[in-house]
Structures are given as C-alpha cells and as structure tokens.
Amino acid sequence: DLYCRIAVRRHELFERLDNDVLLEVPVTFCDAALGA
C-alpha cells in the first residue's frame, strides 16, 4: 500500500483551531466604542 502523510500549509490570514478558523481583525477606538 501507499501511505500519504498530510501537512497543511500555514494560511496568511487564518489560524486553524480544529474545525474552527481564527481571524484577527483590527478596529479603531471609535468603532469599538460606538459600534460598527
């Protein structure tokens, strides 16, 4: 048989957390205070 071991490349935006993905989004002080 042939066994193929998988390696997933790091994504430039998303971090994998099991089946979830994490994205960090910068927001301004005003948007955080007032909503947006």
All heavy atoms as atom14 arrays in JSON, in Angstrom:
{
  "sequence": "DLYCRIAVRRHELFERLDNDVLLEVPVTFCDAALGA",
  "atom14_mask": [
    [1, 1, 1, 1, 1, 1, 1, 1, 0, 0, 0, 0, 0, 0],
    [1, 1, 1, 1, 1, 1, 1, 1, 0, 0, 0, 0, 0, 0],
    [1, 1, 1, 1, 1, 1, 1, 1, 1, 1, 1, 1, 0, 0],
    [1, 1, 1, 1, 1, 1, 0, 0, 0, 0, 0, 0, 0, 0],
    [1, 1, 1, 1, 1, 1, 1, 1, 1, 1, 1, 0, 0, 0],
    [1, 1, 1, 1, 1, 1, 1, 1, 0, 0, 0, 0, 0, 0],
    [1, 1, 1, 1, 1, 0, 0, 0, 0, 0, 0, 0, 0, 0],
    [1, 1, 1, 1, 1, 1, 1, 0, 0, 0, 0, 0, 0, 0],
    [1, 1, 1, 1, 1, 1, 1, 1, 1, 1, 1, 0, 0, 0],
    [1, 1, 1, 1, 1, 1, 1, 1, 1, 1, 1, 0, 0, 0],
    [1, 1, 1, 1, 1, 1, 1, 1, 1, 1, 0, 0, 0, 0],
    [1, 1, 1, 1, 1, 1, 1, 1, 1, 0, 0, 0, 0, 0],
    [1, 1, 1, 1, 1, 1, 1, 1, 0, 0, 0, 0, 0, 0],
    [1, 1, 1, 1, 1, 1, 1, 1, 1, 1, 1, 0, 0, 0],
    [1, 1, 1, 1, 1, 1, 1, 1, 1, 0, 0, 0, 0, 0],
    [1, 1, 1, 1, 1, 1, 1, 1, 1, 1, 1, 0, 0, 0],
    [1, 1, 1, 1, 1, 1, 1, 1, 0, 0, 0, 0, 0, 0],
    [1, 1, 1, 1, 1, 1, 1, 1, 0, 0, 0, 0, 0, 0],
    [1, 1, 1, 1, 1, 1, 1, 1, 0, 0, 0, 0, 0, 0],
    [1, 1, 1, 1, 1, 1, 1, 1, 0, 0, 0, 0, 0, 0],
    [1, 1, 1, 1, 1, 1, 1, 0, 0, 0, 0, 0, 0, 0],
    [1, 1, 1, 1, 1, 1, 1, 1, 0, 0, 0, 0, 0, 0],
    [1, 1, 1, 1, 1, 1, 1, 1, 0, 0, 0, 0, 0, 0],
    [1, 1, 1, 1, 1, 1, 1, 1, 1, 0, 0, 0, 0, 0],
    [1, 1, 1, 1, 1, 1, 1, 0, 0, 0, 0, 0, 0, 0],
    [1, 1, 1, 1, 1, 1, 1, 0, 0, 0, 0, 0, 0, 0],
    [1, 1, 1, 1, 1, 1, 1, 0, 0, 0, 0, 0, 0, 0],
    [1, 1, 1, 1, 1, 1, 1, 0, 0, 0, 0, 0, 0, 0],
    [1, 1, 1, 1, 1, 1, 1, 1, 1, 1, 1, 0, 0, 0],
    [1, 1, 1, 1, 1, 1, 0, 0, 0, 0, 0, 0, 0, 0],
    [1, 1, 1, 1, 1, 1, 1, 1, 0, 0, 0, 0, 0, 0],
    [1, 1, 1, 1, 1, 0, 0, 0, 0, 0, 0, 0, 0, 0],
    [1, 1, 1, 1, 1, 0, 0, 0, 0, 0, 0, 0, 0, 0],
    [1, 1, 1, 1, 1, 1, 1, 1, 0, 0, 0, 0, 0, 0],
    [1, 1, 1, 1, 0, 0, 0, 0, 0, 0, 0, 0, 0, 0],
    [1, 1, 1, 1, 1, 0, 0, 0, 0, 0, 0, 0, 0, 0]
  ],
  "atom14_positions": [
    [[0.83, -1.2, 0.0], [0.0, 0.0, 0.0], [0.87, 1.25, 0.0], [2.05, 1.21, 0.36], [-0.92, 0.02, 1.23], [-1.85, -1.17, 1.27], [-2.21, -1.69, 0.19], [-2.24, -1.59, 2.38], [0.0, 0.0, 0.0], [0.0, 0.0, 0.0], [0.0, 0.0, 0.0], [0.0, 0.0, 0.0], [0.0, 0.0, 0.0], [0.0, 0.0, 0.0]],
    [[0.27, 2.35, -0.38], [0.92, 3.66, -0.32], [0.28, 4.46, 0.8], [-0.94, 4.57, 0.88], [0.76, 4.41, -1.65], [1.29, 5.85, -1.7], [2.8, 5.88, -1.51], [0.9, 6.53, -3.0], [0.0, 0.0, 0.0], [0.0, 0.0, 0.0], [0.0, 0.0, 0.0], [0.0, 0.0, 0.0], [0.0, 0.0, 0.0], [0.0, 0.0, 0.0]],
    [[1.12, 5.0, 1.7], [0.65, 5.83, 2.79], [1.1, 7.26, 2.54], [2.28, 7.52, 2.34], [1.18, 5.33, 4.14], [0.56, 4.03, 4.57], [1.12, 2.81, 4.18], [-0.6, 4.0, 5.34], [0.54, 1.6, 4.56], [-1.18, 2.8, 5.72], [-0.6, 1.61, 5.33], [-1.18, 0.42, 5.71], [0.0, 0.0, 0.0], [0.0, 0.0, 0.0]],
    [[0.14, 8.16, 2.55], [0.41, 9.57, 2.25], [0.16, 10.4, 3.51], [-0.97, 10.51, 3.98], [-0.5, 10.02, 1.11], [-0.27, 11.71, 0.59], [0.0, 0.0, 0.0], [0.0, 0.0, 0.0], [0.0, 0.0, 0.0], [0.0, 0.0, 0.0], [0.0, 0.0, 0.0], [0.0, 0.0, 0.0], [0.0, 0.0, 0.0], [0.0, 0.0, 0.0]],
    [[1.23, 10.96, 4.07], [1.11, 11.78, 5.28], [0.87, 13.24, 4.88], [1.62, 13.81, 4.09], [2.37, 11.67, 6.15], [2.28, 12.45, 7.45], [3.57, 12.35, 8.23], [3.76, 11.01, 8.75], [3.3, 10.6, 9.93], [2.64, 11.43, 10.7], [3.53, 9.38, 10.34], [0.0, 0.0, 0.0], [0.0, 0.0, 0.0], [0.0, 0.0, 0.0]],
    [[-0.17, 13.83, 5.47], [-0.61, 15.17, 5.07], [0.01, 16.25, 5.97], [0.1, 16.09, 7.18], [-2.16, 15.27, 5.14], [-2.8, 14.28, 4.16], [-2.62, 16.69, 4.86], [-2.47, 14.54, 2.7], [0.0, 0.0, 0.0], [0.0, 0.0, 0.0], [0.0, 0.0, 0.0], [0.0, 0.0, 0.0], [0.0, 0.0, 0.0], [0.0, 0.0, 0.0]],
    [[0.42, 17.35, 5.34], [0.86, 18.54, 6.06], [0.11, 19.73, 5.46], [0.16, 19.94, 4.24], [2.37, 18.74, 5.94], [0.0, 0.0, 0.0], [0.0, 0.0, 0.0], [0.0, 0.0, 0.0], [0.0, 0.0, 0.0], [0.0, 0.0, 0.0], [0.0, 0.0, 0.0], [0.0, 0.0, 0.0], [0.0, 0.0, 0.0], [0.0, 0.0, 0.0]],
    [[-0.62, 20.48, 6.3], [-1.4, 21.63, 5.83], [-0.56, 22.89, 6.0], [-0.09, 23.2, 7.1], [-2.73, 21.76, 6.6], [-3.54, 22.94, 6.06], [-3.54, 20.47, 6.5], [0.0, 0.0, 0.0], [0.0, 0.0, 0.0], [0.0, 0.0, 0.0], [0.0, 0.0, 0.0], [0.0, 0.0, 0.0], [0.0, 0.0, 0.0], [0.0, 0.0, 0.0]],
    [[-0.36, 23.62, 4.92], [0.43, 24.86, 4.96], [-0.26, 25.92, 5.83], [-1.49, 26.01, 5.88], [0.63, 25.43, 3.55], [1.62, 24.71, 2.71], [1.99, 25.53, 1.48], [0.83, 25.79, 0.63], [0.39, 24.97, -0.31], [1.01, 23.82, -0.53], [-0.67, 25.28, -1.04], [0.0, 0.0, 0.0], [0.0, 0.0, 0.0], [0.0, 0.0, 0.0]],
    [[0.55, 26.75, 6.46], [0.03, 27.87, 7.25], [-0.62, 28.9, 6.32], [-0.05, 29.26, 5.28], [1.16, 28.52, 8.04], [0.68, 29.64, 8.98], [1.88, 30.27, 9.67], [2.54, 29.31, 10.52], [2.19, 29.05, 11.77], [1.16, 29.69, 12.31], [2.87, 28.18, 12.49], [0.0, 0.0, 0.0], [0.0, 0.0, 0.0], [0.0, 0.0, 0.0]],
    [[-1.8, 29.35, 6.69], [-2.52, 30.34, 5.88], [-2.09, 31.74, 6.28], [-1.76, 32.0, 7.44], [-4.03, 30.17, 6.07], [-4.87, 30.85, 5.03], [-5.18, 32.19, 5.09], [-5.46, 30.37, 3.9], [-5.93, 32.51, 4.04], [-6.12, 31.43, 3.31], [0.0, 0.0, 0.0], [0.0, 0.0, 0.0], [0.0, 0.0, 0.0], [0.0, 0.0, 0.0]],
    [[-2.09, 32.66, 5.32], [-1.62, 34.02, 5.6], [-2.6, 34.81, 6.46], [-2.2, 35.8, 7.1], [-1.34, 34.76, 4.3], [-2.54, 34.9, 3.38], [-2.19, 35.59, 2.08], [-1.13, 36.25, 2.05], [-2.96, 35.48, 1.1], [0.0, 0.0, 0.0], [0.0, 0.0, 0.0], [0.0, 0.0, 0.0], [0.0, 0.0, 0.0], [0.0, 0.0, 0.0]],
    [[-3.88, 34.41, 6.5], [-4.87, 35.15, 7.28], [-5.43, 34.34, 8.44], [-5.62, 34.86, 9.54], [-6.04, 35.6, 6.39], [-5.77, 36.65, 5.33], [-7.04, 36.92, 4.54], [-5.26, 37.94, 5.96], [0.0, 0.0, 0.0], [0.0, 0.0, 0.0], [0.0, 0.0, 0.0], [0.0, 0.0, 0.0], [0.0, 0.0, 0.0], [0.0, 0.0, 0.0]],
    [[-5.73, 33.06, 8.2], [-6.48, 32.27, 9.15], [-5.59, 31.29, 9.91], [-4.68, 30.69, 9.35], [-7.58, 31.47, 8.44], [-8.56, 32.33, 7.68], [-8.5, 32.44, 6.3], [-9.53, 33.06, 8.36], [-9.38, 33.22, 5.6], [-10.43, 33.86, 7.66], [-10.36, 33.94, 6.28], [0.0, 0.0, 0.0], [0.0, 0.0, 0.0], [0.0, 0.0, 0.0]],
    [[-5.91, 31.14, 11.19], [-5.27, 30.12, 12.01], [-6.28, 29.0, 12.26], [-7.42, 29.27, 12.65], [-4.81, 30.71, 13.35], [-4.18, 29.7, 14.29], [-3.84, 30.28, 15.64], [-3.93, 31.52, 15.8], [-3.51, 29.49, 16.56], [0.0, 0.0, 0.0], [0.0, 0.0, 0.0], [0.0, 0.0, 0.0], [0.0, 0.0, 0.0], [0.0, 0.0, 0.0]],
    [[-5.86, 27.76, 12.03], [-6.79, 26.65, 12.21], [-6.84, 26.23, 13.67], [-5.82, 26.03, 14.33], [-6.35, 25.45, 11.35], [-7.34, 24.29, 11.43], [-6.95, 23.16, 10.52], [-8.01, 22.15, 10.46], [-7.99, 21.1, 9.68], [-6.96, 20.87, 8.88], [-9.0, 20.23, 9.68], [0.0, 0.0, 0.0], [0.0, 0.0, 0.0], [0.0, 0.0, 0.0]],
    [[-8.07, 26.08, 14.19], [-8.31, 25.57, 15.54], [-9.27, 24.4, 15.42], [-10.49, 24.57, 15.54], [-8.87, 26.67, 16.45], [-8.05, 27.95, 16.59], [-8.81, 29.0, 17.39], [-6.7, 27.66, 17.25], [0.0, 0.0, 0.0], [0.0, 0.0, 0.0], [0.0, 0.0, 0.0], [0.0, 0.0, 0.0], [0.0, 0.0, 0.0], [0.0, 0.0, 0.0]],
    [[-8.72, 23.22, 15.14], [-9.53, 22.04, 14.85], [-10.4, 22.34, 13.62], [-9.86, 22.57, 12.55], [-10.36, 21.64, 16.06], [-10.88, 20.21, 15.93], [-10.44, 19.49, 15.0], [-11.72, 19.8, 16.75], [0.0, 0.0, 0.0], [0.0, 0.0, 0.0], [0.0, 0.0, 0.0], [0.0, 0.0, 0.0], [0.0, 0.0, 0.0], [0.0, 0.0, 0.0]],
    [[-11.73, 22.38, 13.77], [-12.58, 22.68, 12.63], [-12.97, 24.15, 12.56], [-13.64, 24.58, 11.62], [-13.84, 21.82, 12.65], [-13.55, 20.36, 12.4], [-12.56, 20.02, 11.77], [-14.41, 19.48, 12.92], [0.0, 0.0, 0.0], [0.0, 0.0, 0.0], [0.0, 0.0, 0.0], [0.0, 0.0, 0.0], [0.0, 0.0, 0.0], [0.0, 0.0, 0.0]],
    [[-12.58, 24.94, 13.56], [-12.78, 26.38, 13.53], [-11.56, 27.06, 12.92], [-10.46, 26.49, 12.88], [-13.0, 26.93, 14.94], [-14.28, 26.41, 15.59], [-15.21, 26.03, 14.84], [-14.34, 26.38, 16.84], [0.0, 0.0, 0.0], [0.0, 0.0, 0.0], [0.0, 0.0, 0.0], [0.0, 0.0, 0.0], [0.0, 0.0, 0.0], [0.0, 0.0, 0.0]],
    [[-11.77, 28.28, 12.44], [-10.64, 29.1, 11.99], [-10.72, 30.44, 12.73], [-11.81, 30.94, 13.04], [-10.64, 29.33, 10.46], [-10.36, 28.04, 9.73], [-11.95, 29.96, 9.99], [0.0, 0.0, 0.0], [0.0, 0.0, 0.0], [0.0, 0.0, 0.0], [0.0, 0.0, 0.0], [0.0, 0.0, 0.0], [0.0, 0.0, 0.0], [0.0, 0.0, 0.0]],
    [[-9.55, 30.99, 13.02], [-9.46, 32.25, 13.78], [-8.87, 33.33, 12.9], [-7.86, 33.12, 12.22], [-8.59, 32.04, 15.02], [-8.29, 33.29, 15.85], [-9.56, 33.83, 16.5], [-7.23, 33.0, 16.9], [0.0, 0.0, 0.0], [0.0, 0.0, 0.0], [0.0, 0.0, 0.0], [0.0, 0.0, 0.0], [0.0, 0.0, 0.0], [0.0, 0.0, 0.0]],
    [[-9.52, 34.5, 12.92], [-9.04, 35.66, 12.18], [-8.95, 36.84, 13.15], [-9.9, 37.12, 13.89], [-10.01, 36.0, 11.04], [-9.71, 37.28, 10.25], [-8.46, 37.11, 9.4], [-10.91, 37.66, 9.38], [0.0, 0.0, 0.0], [0.0, 0.0, 0.0], [0.0, 0.0, 0.0], [0.0, 0.0, 0.0], [0.0, 0.0, 0.0], [0.0, 0.0, 0.0]],
    [[-7.84, 37.55, 13.15], [-7.69, 38.76, 13.96], [-8.01, 39.98, 13.09], [-7.44, 40.13, 12.0], [-6.3, 38.87, 14.55], [-6.01, 37.84, 15.63], [-4.73, 38.13, 16.39], [-3.91, 38.93, 15.88], [-4.55, 37.55, 17.49], [0.0, 0.0, 0.0], [0.0, 0.0, 0.0], [0.0, 0.0, 0.0], [0.0, 0.0, 0.0], [0.0, 0.0, 0.0]],
    [[-8.93, 40.82, 13.59], [-9.36, 41.99, 12.83], [-9.09, 43.26, 13.65], [-9.65, 43.42, 14.74], [-10.87, 41.91, 12.5], [-11.33, 43.2, 11.81], [-11.15, 40.72, 11.61], [0.0, 0.0, 0.0], [0.0, 0.0, 0.0], [0.0, 0.0, 0.0], [0.0, 0.0, 0.0], [0.0, 0.0, 0.0], [0.0, 0.0, 0.0], [0.0, 0.0, 0.0]],
    [[-8.24, 44.16, 13.16], [-8.02, 45.42, 13.87], [-9.19, 46.38, 13.63], [-9.72, 46.49, 12.52], [-6.73, 45.95, 13.23], [-6.68, 45.32, 11.87], [-7.37, 44.01, 11.98], [0.0, 0.0, 0.0], [0.0, 0.0, 0.0], [0.0, 0.0, 0.0], [0.0, 0.0, 0.0], [0.0, 0.0, 0.0], [0.0, 0.0, 0.0], [0.0, 0.0, 0.0]],
    [[-9.65, 47.05, 14.69], [-10.71, 48.05, 14.58], [-10.25, 49.32, 15.28], [-9.39, 49.3, 16.17], [-12.05, 47.56, 15.19], [-12.53, 46.3, 14.49], [-11.91, 47.31, 16.68], [0.0, 0.0, 0.0], [0.0, 0.0, 0.0], [0.0, 0.0, 0.0], [0.0, 0.0, 0.0], [0.0, 0.0, 0.0], [0.0, 0.0, 0.0], [0.0, 0.0, 0.0]],
    [[-10.83, 50.42, 14.89], [-10.46, 51.7, 15.5], [-11.09, 51.83, 16.88], [-12.07, 51.15, 17.22], [-10.91, 52.88, 14.63], [-12.35, 52.91, 14.6], [-10.38, 52.73, 13.2], [0.0, 0.0, 0.0], [0.0, 0.0, 0.0], [0.0, 0.0, 0.0], [0.0, 0.0, 0.0], [0.0, 0.0, 0.0], [0.0, 0.0, 0.0], [0.0, 0.0, 0.0]],
    [[-10.53, 52.76, 17.67], [-11.07, 53.03, 19.0], [-12.53, 53.48, 18.89], [-13.39, 53.07, 19.68], [-10.21, 54.1, 19.67], [-10.74, 54.58, 20.99], [-10.53, 53.85, 22.14], [-11.48, 55.76, 21.07], [-11.03, 54.29, 23.36], [-11.98, 56.2, 22.28], [-11.75, 55.46, 23.43], [0.0, 0.0, 0.0], [0.0, 0.0, 0.0], [0.0, 0.0, 0.0]],
    [[-12.81, 54.3, 17.9], [-14.17, 54.82, 17.75], [-15.15, 53.71, 17.38], [-16.27, 53.65, 17.91], [-14.19, 55.92, 16.69], [-13.34, 57.43, 17.18], [0.0, 0.0, 0.0], [0.0, 0.0, 0.0], [0.0, 0.0, 0.0], [0.0, 0.0, 0.0], [0.0, 0.0, 0.0], [0.0, 0.0, 0.0], [0.0, 0.0, 0.0], [0.0, 0.0, 0.0]],
    [[-14.76, 52.82, 16.45], [-15.65, 51.72, 16.06], [-15.92, 50.79, 17.24], [-17.04, 50.29, 17.41], [-15.03, 50.92, 14.92], [-15.13, 51.63, 13.58], [-15.94, 52.59, 13.49], [-14.41, 51.24, 12.64], [0.0, 0.0, 0.0], [0.0, 0.0, 0.0], [0.0, 0.0, 0.0], [0.0, 0.0, 0.0], [0.0, 0.0, 0.0], [0.0, 0.0, 0.0]],
    [[-14.91, 50.55, 18.07], [-15.1, 49.68, 19.23], [-16.02, 50.34, 20.25], [-16.86, 49.68, 20.88], [-13.76, 49.35, 19.86], [0.0, 0.0, 0.0], [0.0, 0.0, 0.0], [0.0, 0.0, 0.0], [0.0, 0.0, 0.0], [0.0, 0.0, 0.0], [0.0, 0.0, 0.0], [0.0, 0.0, 0.0], [0.0, 0.0, 0.0], [0.0, 0.0, 0.0]],
    [[-15.89, 51.65, 20.4], [-16.7, 52.36, 21.39], [-18.13, 52.57, 20.91], [-19.09, 52.42, 21.69], [-16.05, 53.69, 21.74], [0.0, 0.0, 0.0], [0.0, 0.0, 0.0], [0.0, 0.0, 0.0], [0.0, 0.0, 0.0], [0.0, 0.0, 0.0], [0.0, 0.0, 0.0], [0.0, 0.0, 0.0], [0.0, 0.0, 0.0], [0.0, 0.0, 0.0]],
    [[-18.29, 52.93, 19.64], [-19.6, 53.31, 19.13], [-20.32, 52.17, 18.41], [-21.53, 52.23, 18.2], [-19.45, 54.49, 18.15], [-18.81, 55.74, 18.73], [-18.62, 56.79, 17.64], [-19.65, 56.3, 19.87], [0.0, 0.0, 0.0], [0.0, 0.0, 0.0], [0.0, 0.0, 0.0], [0.0, 0.0, 0.0], [0.0, 0.0, 0.0], [0.0, 0.0, 0.0]],
    [[-19.57, 51.13, 18.03], [-20.15, 50.05, 17.24], [-19.97, 50.33, 15.76], [-19.83, 51.47, 15.33], [0.0, 0.0, 0.0], [0.0, 0.0, 0.0], [0.0, 0.0, 0.0], [0.0, 0.0, 0.0], [0.0, 0.0, 0.0], [0.0, 0.0, 0.0], [0.0, 0.0, 0.0], [0.0, 0.0, 0.0], [0.0, 0.0, 0.0], [0.0, 0.0, 0.0]],
    [[-19.95, 49.25, 14.97], [-19.75, 49.41, 13.52], [-20.13, 48.12, 12.82], [-20.32, 47.07, 13.45], [-18.3, 49.78, 13.22], [0.0, 0.0, 0.0], [0.0, 0.0, 0.0], [0.0, 0.0, 0.0], [0.0, 0.0, 0.0], [0.0, 0.0, 0.0], [0.0, 0.0, 0.0], [0.0, 0.0, 0.0], [0.0, 0.0, 0.0], [0.0, 0.0, 0.0]]
  ]
}
